[in-house]
Amino acid sequence: MKNLFDFATKELSQDAFLRWLFESYEDLQDDQLMIRKLLGLFAKSNYEQSNITEIKTYAQYNGVIDVVISYAVDGIQHYLVMEDKTQTYIHSDQLDKYYNDF
């Protein structure tokens, strides 16, 4: 299992934890059940019969998106974008900017 503190150098603790959580599956074939459940919960998708590969996380993607989880499902690339919000409001064009970053 990877060390949580390798990810938590300067980022917020929750961002570091999420990155650690998603990248802790070193053998994607052996850990398929857990990966399917984890990504299914976060992405609100049913991946029970899917083959998930290539999980990679990014912090402060393009300097604005807090956490991005990149993964392939049956050979098709997916991105799970996470933004932390505390005591603020959603900017009307924020999601459009994120979409255009991909």
N, C-alpha and C. Protein backbone atom coordinates (compact mmCIF):
# COMPACT_ATOMS: atom_id res chain seq x y z
N MET A 1 0.85 -1.18 0.00
CA MET A 1 0.00 0.00 0.00
C MET A 1 0.90 1.24 0.00
N LYS A 2 0.49 2.24 -0.76
CA LYS A 2 1.27 3.47 -0.84
C LYS A 2 1.13 4.29 0.45
N ASN A 3 2.13 5.11 0.72
CA ASN A 3 2.19 5.92 1.92
C ASN A 3 1.36 7.21 1.73
N LEU A 4 0.40 7.46 2.60
CA LEU A 4 -0.46 8.64 2.54
C LEU A 4 0.35 9.93 2.47
N PHE A 5 1.47 9.98 3.17
CA PHE A 5 2.25 11.21 3.26
C PHE A 5 3.03 11.51 1.98
N ASP A 6 3.10 10.55 1.06
CA ASP A 6 3.70 10.84 -0.25
C ASP A 6 2.80 11.79 -1.04
N PHE A 7 1.51 11.78 -0.73
CA PHE A 7 0.54 12.63 -1.42
C PHE A 7 0.26 13.92 -0.66
N ALA A 8 0.45 13.93 0.64
CA ALA A 8 0.02 15.04 1.51
C ALA A 8 1.15 16.02 1.78
N THR A 9 1.86 16.43 0.77
CA THR A 9 2.98 17.35 1.00
C THR A 9 2.52 18.78 1.25
N LYS A 10 1.67 19.32 0.39
CA LYS A 10 1.20 20.69 0.57
C LYS A 10 -0.30 20.84 0.33
N GLU A 11 -0.95 19.78 -0.06
CA GLU A 11 -2.38 19.84 -0.36
C GLU A 11 -3.20 19.66 0.91
N LEU A 12 -4.46 20.00 0.80
CA LEU A 12 -5.39 19.78 1.90
C LEU A 12 -5.48 18.30 2.21
N SER A 13 -5.72 17.98 3.45
CA SER A 13 -5.75 16.59 3.88
C SER A 13 -6.77 15.75 3.12
N GLN A 14 -7.96 16.27 2.86
CA GLN A 14 -8.97 15.47 2.17
C GLN A 14 -8.56 15.20 0.73
N ASP A 15 -7.90 16.14 0.08
CA ASP A 15 -7.43 15.90 -1.29
C ASP A 15 -6.37 14.80 -1.29
N ALA A 16 -5.44 14.90 -0.36
CA ALA A 16 -4.39 13.89 -0.26
C ALA A 16 -4.98 12.52 0.05
N PHE A 17 -5.96 12.48 0.94
CA PHE A 17 -6.57 11.20 1.26
C PHE A 17 -7.27 10.59 0.06
N LEU A 18 -8.01 11.38 -0.70
CA LEU A 18 -8.69 10.87 -1.88
C LEU A 18 -7.70 10.33 -2.91
N ARG A 19 -6.65 11.04 -3.12
CA ARG A 19 -5.63 10.57 -4.07
C ARG A 19 -5.01 9.27 -3.58
N TRP A 20 -4.70 9.21 -2.31
CA TRP A 20 -4.13 7.99 -1.72
C TRP A 20 -5.12 6.83 -1.86
N LEU A 21 -6.38 7.09 -1.56
CA LEU A 21 -7.40 6.05 -1.62
C LEU A 21 -7.52 5.46 -3.03
N PHE A 22 -7.59 6.32 -4.04
CA PHE A 22 -7.78 5.83 -5.40
C PHE A 22 -6.52 5.19 -5.98
N GLU A 23 -5.35 5.57 -5.51
CA GLU A 23 -4.11 5.01 -6.05
C GLU A 23 -3.53 3.89 -5.20
N SER A 24 -4.23 3.45 -4.19
CA SER A 24 -3.71 2.40 -3.31
C SER A 24 -3.88 0.99 -3.87
N TYR A 25 -4.55 0.85 -4.98
CA TYR A 25 -4.76 -0.47 -5.57
C TYR A 25 -3.65 -0.73 -6.57
N GLU A 26 -2.61 -1.40 -6.11
CA GLU A 26 -1.43 -1.60 -6.95
C GLU A 26 -1.61 -2.73 -7.95
N ASP A 27 -2.47 -3.69 -7.65
CA ASP A 27 -2.74 -4.77 -8.58
C ASP A 27 -4.19 -4.64 -9.05
N LEU A 28 -4.37 -3.95 -10.15
CA LEU A 28 -5.72 -3.64 -10.61
C LEU A 28 -6.53 -4.89 -10.92
N GLN A 29 -5.89 -5.97 -11.35
CA GLN A 29 -6.62 -7.19 -11.65
C GLN A 29 -7.15 -7.83 -10.36
N ASP A 30 -6.31 -7.95 -9.34
CA ASP A 30 -6.72 -8.59 -8.09
C ASP A 30 -7.71 -7.75 -7.30
N ASP A 31 -7.67 -6.45 -7.47
CA ASP A 31 -8.51 -5.54 -6.68
C ASP A 31 -9.73 -5.03 -7.44
N GLN A 32 -10.14 -5.69 -8.51
CA GLN A 32 -11.24 -5.20 -9.35
C GLN A 32 -12.53 -4.98 -8.56
N LEU A 33 -12.88 -5.88 -7.66
CA LEU A 33 -14.13 -5.73 -6.91
C LEU A 33 -14.14 -4.43 -6.11
N MET A 34 -13.06 -4.15 -5.40
CA MET A 34 -12.98 -2.92 -4.60
C MET A 34 -12.96 -1.68 -5.48
N ILE A 35 -12.22 -1.74 -6.57
CA ILE A 35 -12.14 -0.59 -7.47
C ILE A 35 -13.50 -0.29 -8.09
N ARG A 36 -14.20 -1.34 -8.51
CA ARG A 36 -15.54 -1.15 -9.10
C ARG A 36 -16.49 -0.50 -8.10
N LYS A 37 -16.44 -0.96 -6.86
CA LYS A 37 -17.33 -0.39 -5.83
C LYS A 37 -16.96 1.05 -5.53
N LEU A 38 -15.68 1.33 -5.35
CA LEU A 38 -15.23 2.68 -5.02
C LEU A 38 -15.60 3.67 -6.13
N LEU A 39 -15.21 3.37 -7.35
CA LEU A 39 -15.52 4.28 -8.46
C LEU A 39 -17.02 4.35 -8.71
N GLY A 40 -17.71 3.24 -8.55
CA GLY A 40 -19.16 3.24 -8.72
C GLY A 40 -19.86 4.18 -7.76
N LEU A 41 -19.39 4.20 -6.51
CA LEU A 41 -19.98 5.10 -5.52
C LEU A 41 -19.71 6.56 -5.85
N PHE A 42 -18.49 6.88 -6.20
CA PHE A 42 -18.13 8.26 -6.48
C PHE A 42 -18.73 8.76 -7.79
N ALA A 43 -18.75 7.90 -8.81
CA ALA A 43 -19.23 8.31 -10.13
C ALA A 43 -20.72 8.03 -10.32
N LYS A 44 -21.34 7.41 -9.32
CA LYS A 44 -22.76 7.04 -9.39
C LYS A 44 -23.04 6.24 -10.66
N SER A 45 -22.20 5.23 -10.87
CA SER A 45 -22.32 4.35 -12.03
C SER A 45 -22.25 2.90 -11.59
N ASN A 46 -22.73 2.00 -12.43
CA ASN A 46 -22.66 0.58 -12.14
C ASN A 46 -21.53 -0.02 -12.96
N TYR A 47 -20.44 -0.37 -12.28
CA TYR A 47 -19.28 -0.95 -12.94
C TYR A 47 -19.10 -2.42 -12.58
N GLU A 48 -20.16 -3.10 -12.13
CA GLU A 48 -20.04 -4.48 -11.64
C GLU A 48 -19.43 -5.43 -12.66
N GLN A 49 -19.73 -5.27 -13.93
CA GLN A 49 -19.22 -6.18 -14.96
C GLN A 49 -18.11 -5.55 -15.80
N SER A 50 -17.56 -4.45 -15.35
CA SER A 50 -16.59 -3.70 -16.13
C SER A 50 -15.16 -4.04 -15.74
N ASN A 51 -14.25 -3.78 -16.65
CA ASN A 51 -12.83 -3.91 -16.38
C ASN A 51 -12.26 -2.50 -16.24
N ILE A 52 -11.80 -2.17 -15.05
CA ILE A 52 -11.28 -0.83 -14.78
C ILE A 52 -9.76 -0.87 -14.76
N THR A 53 -9.16 0.04 -15.49
CA THR A 53 -7.69 0.09 -15.60
C THR A 53 -7.21 1.53 -15.55
N GLU A 54 -5.90 1.67 -15.45
CA GLU A 54 -5.22 2.96 -15.60
C GLU A 54 -5.68 4.04 -14.64
N ILE A 55 -5.83 3.73 -13.37
CA ILE A 55 -6.24 4.75 -12.41
C ILE A 55 -5.06 5.66 -12.08
N LYS A 56 -5.28 6.96 -12.23
CA LYS A 56 -4.27 7.96 -11.92
C LYS A 56 -4.98 9.18 -11.35
N THR A 57 -4.36 9.82 -10.36
CA THR A 57 -4.97 11.01 -9.77
C THR A 57 -4.06 12.22 -9.99
N TYR A 58 -4.69 13.38 -9.96
CA TYR A 58 -3.97 14.64 -10.13
C TYR A 58 -4.51 15.65 -9.13
N ALA A 59 -3.62 16.43 -8.54
CA ALA A 59 -4.01 17.50 -7.62
C ALA A 59 -3.79 18.84 -8.30
N GLN A 60 -4.69 19.77 -8.05
CA GLN A 60 -4.59 21.12 -8.62
C GLN A 60 -4.37 21.06 -10.13
N TYR A 61 -5.21 20.26 -10.79
CA TYR A 61 -5.13 20.08 -12.23
C TYR A 61 -5.31 21.42 -12.94
N ASN A 62 -4.39 21.75 -13.80
CA ASN A 62 -4.37 23.05 -14.51
C ASN A 62 -4.43 24.22 -13.54
N GLY A 63 -4.03 23.99 -12.32
CA GLY A 63 -3.98 25.06 -11.33
C GLY A 63 -5.31 25.45 -10.75
N VAL A 64 -6.40 24.74 -11.10
CA VAL A 64 -7.71 25.15 -10.61
C VAL A 64 -8.57 24.01 -10.05
N ILE A 65 -8.49 22.82 -10.62
CA ILE A 65 -9.35 21.72 -10.17
C ILE A 65 -8.64 20.99 -9.04
N ASP A 66 -9.32 20.85 -7.90
CA ASP A 66 -8.69 20.27 -6.71
C ASP A 66 -8.17 18.86 -6.93
N VAL A 67 -9.03 17.95 -7.37
CA VAL A 67 -8.63 16.55 -7.58
C VAL A 67 -9.28 16.02 -8.84
N VAL A 68 -8.50 15.34 -9.66
CA VAL A 68 -9.02 14.65 -10.84
C VAL A 68 -8.60 13.19 -10.74
N ILE A 69 -9.58 12.29 -10.91
CA ILE A 69 -9.31 10.87 -10.96
C ILE A 69 -9.49 10.46 -12.42
N SER A 70 -8.46 9.95 -13.04
CA SER A 70 -8.50 9.49 -14.41
C SER A 70 -8.48 7.97 -14.40
N TYR A 71 -9.41 7.35 -15.14
CA TYR A 71 -9.46 5.89 -15.18
C TYR A 71 -10.13 5.44 -16.46
N ALA A 72 -9.84 4.21 -16.86
CA ALA A 72 -10.45 3.64 -18.06
C ALA A 72 -11.42 2.53 -17.64
N VAL A 73 -12.59 2.53 -18.27
CA VAL A 73 -13.60 1.49 -18.06
C VAL A 73 -13.82 0.82 -19.41
N ASP A 74 -13.45 -0.46 -19.46
CA ASP A 74 -13.57 -1.23 -20.71
C ASP A 74 -12.93 -0.48 -21.88
N GLY A 75 -11.78 0.13 -21.61
CA GLY A 75 -11.01 0.81 -22.65
C GLY A 75 -11.43 2.24 -22.95
N ILE A 76 -12.46 2.73 -22.29
CA ILE A 76 -12.92 4.11 -22.52
C ILE A 76 -12.49 4.99 -21.35
N GLN A 77 -11.80 6.09 -21.65
CA GLN A 77 -11.27 6.97 -20.62
C GLN A 77 -12.37 7.77 -19.95
N HIS A 78 -12.28 7.86 -18.61
CA HIS A 78 -13.23 8.64 -17.81
C HIS A 78 -12.45 9.55 -16.86
N TYR A 79 -13.10 10.63 -16.45
CA TYR A 79 -12.51 11.56 -15.50
C TYR A 79 -13.54 11.88 -14.43
N LEU A 80 -13.12 11.78 -13.20
CA LEU A 80 -13.94 12.16 -12.06
C LEU A 80 -13.31 13.42 -11.48
N VAL A 81 -14.03 14.53 -11.53
CA VAL A 81 -13.51 15.84 -11.12
C VAL A 81 -14.10 16.19 -9.76
N MET A 82 -13.24 16.54 -8.82
CA MET A 82 -13.69 16.89 -7.47
C MET A 82 -13.20 18.28 -7.10
N GLU A 83 -14.10 19.07 -6.59
CA GLU A 83 -13.80 20.43 -6.16
C GLU A 83 -14.26 20.61 -4.73
N ASP A 84 -13.35 21.06 -3.88
CA ASP A 84 -13.70 21.34 -2.49
C ASP A 84 -14.34 22.72 -2.39
N LYS A 85 -15.39 22.79 -1.63
CA LYS A 85 -16.03 24.08 -1.39
C LYS A 85 -16.34 24.21 0.10
N THR A 86 -15.84 25.25 0.69
CA THR A 86 -16.18 25.56 2.08
C THR A 86 -16.45 27.05 2.17
N GLN A 87 -17.60 27.40 2.69
CA GLN A 87 -17.98 28.78 2.90
C GLN A 87 -17.82 29.64 1.64
N THR A 88 -18.34 29.14 0.55
CA THR A 88 -18.28 29.89 -0.70
C THR A 88 -19.50 29.52 -1.54
N TYR A 89 -19.57 30.00 -2.73
CA TYR A 89 -20.68 29.71 -3.61
C TYR A 89 -20.15 29.11 -4.91
N ILE A 90 -21.03 28.47 -5.65
CA ILE A 90 -20.65 27.90 -6.94
C ILE A 90 -20.64 29.01 -7.98
N HIS A 91 -19.55 29.13 -8.68
CA HIS A 91 -19.44 30.12 -9.75
C HIS A 91 -20.21 29.61 -10.96
N SER A 92 -20.98 30.45 -11.58
CA SER A 92 -21.88 30.03 -12.65
C SER A 92 -21.15 29.37 -13.82
N ASP A 93 -19.93 29.80 -14.11
CA ASP A 93 -19.22 29.23 -15.26
C ASP A 93 -18.10 28.27 -14.86
N GLN A 94 -18.02 27.93 -13.59
CA GLN A 94 -16.92 27.09 -13.11
C GLN A 94 -16.91 25.70 -13.77
N LEU A 95 -18.06 25.04 -13.83
CA LEU A 95 -18.11 23.71 -14.43
C LEU A 95 -17.80 23.75 -15.93
N ASP A 96 -18.21 24.82 -16.60
CA ASP A 96 -17.89 24.96 -18.02
C ASP A 96 -16.38 25.07 -18.22
N LYS A 97 -15.71 25.81 -17.36
CA LYS A 97 -14.26 25.95 -17.45
C LYS A 97 -13.59 24.59 -17.24
N TYR A 98 -14.07 23.82 -16.28
CA TYR A 98 -13.51 22.50 -16.00
C TYR A 98 -13.71 21.59 -17.21
N TYR A 99 -14.89 21.62 -17.79
CA TYR A 99 -15.19 20.78 -18.95
C TYR A 99 -14.24 21.11 -20.10
N ASN A 100 -13.98 22.37 -20.30
CA ASN A 100 -13.09 22.80 -21.38
C ASN A 100 -11.63 22.45 -21.13
N ASP A 101 -11.25 22.21 -19.87
CA ASP A 101 -9.88 21.81 -19.56
C ASP A 101 -9.56 20.40 -20.07
N PHE A 102 -10.60 19.63 -20.36
CA PHE A 102 -10.39 18.28 -20.86
C PHE A 102 -10.56 18.26 -22.35
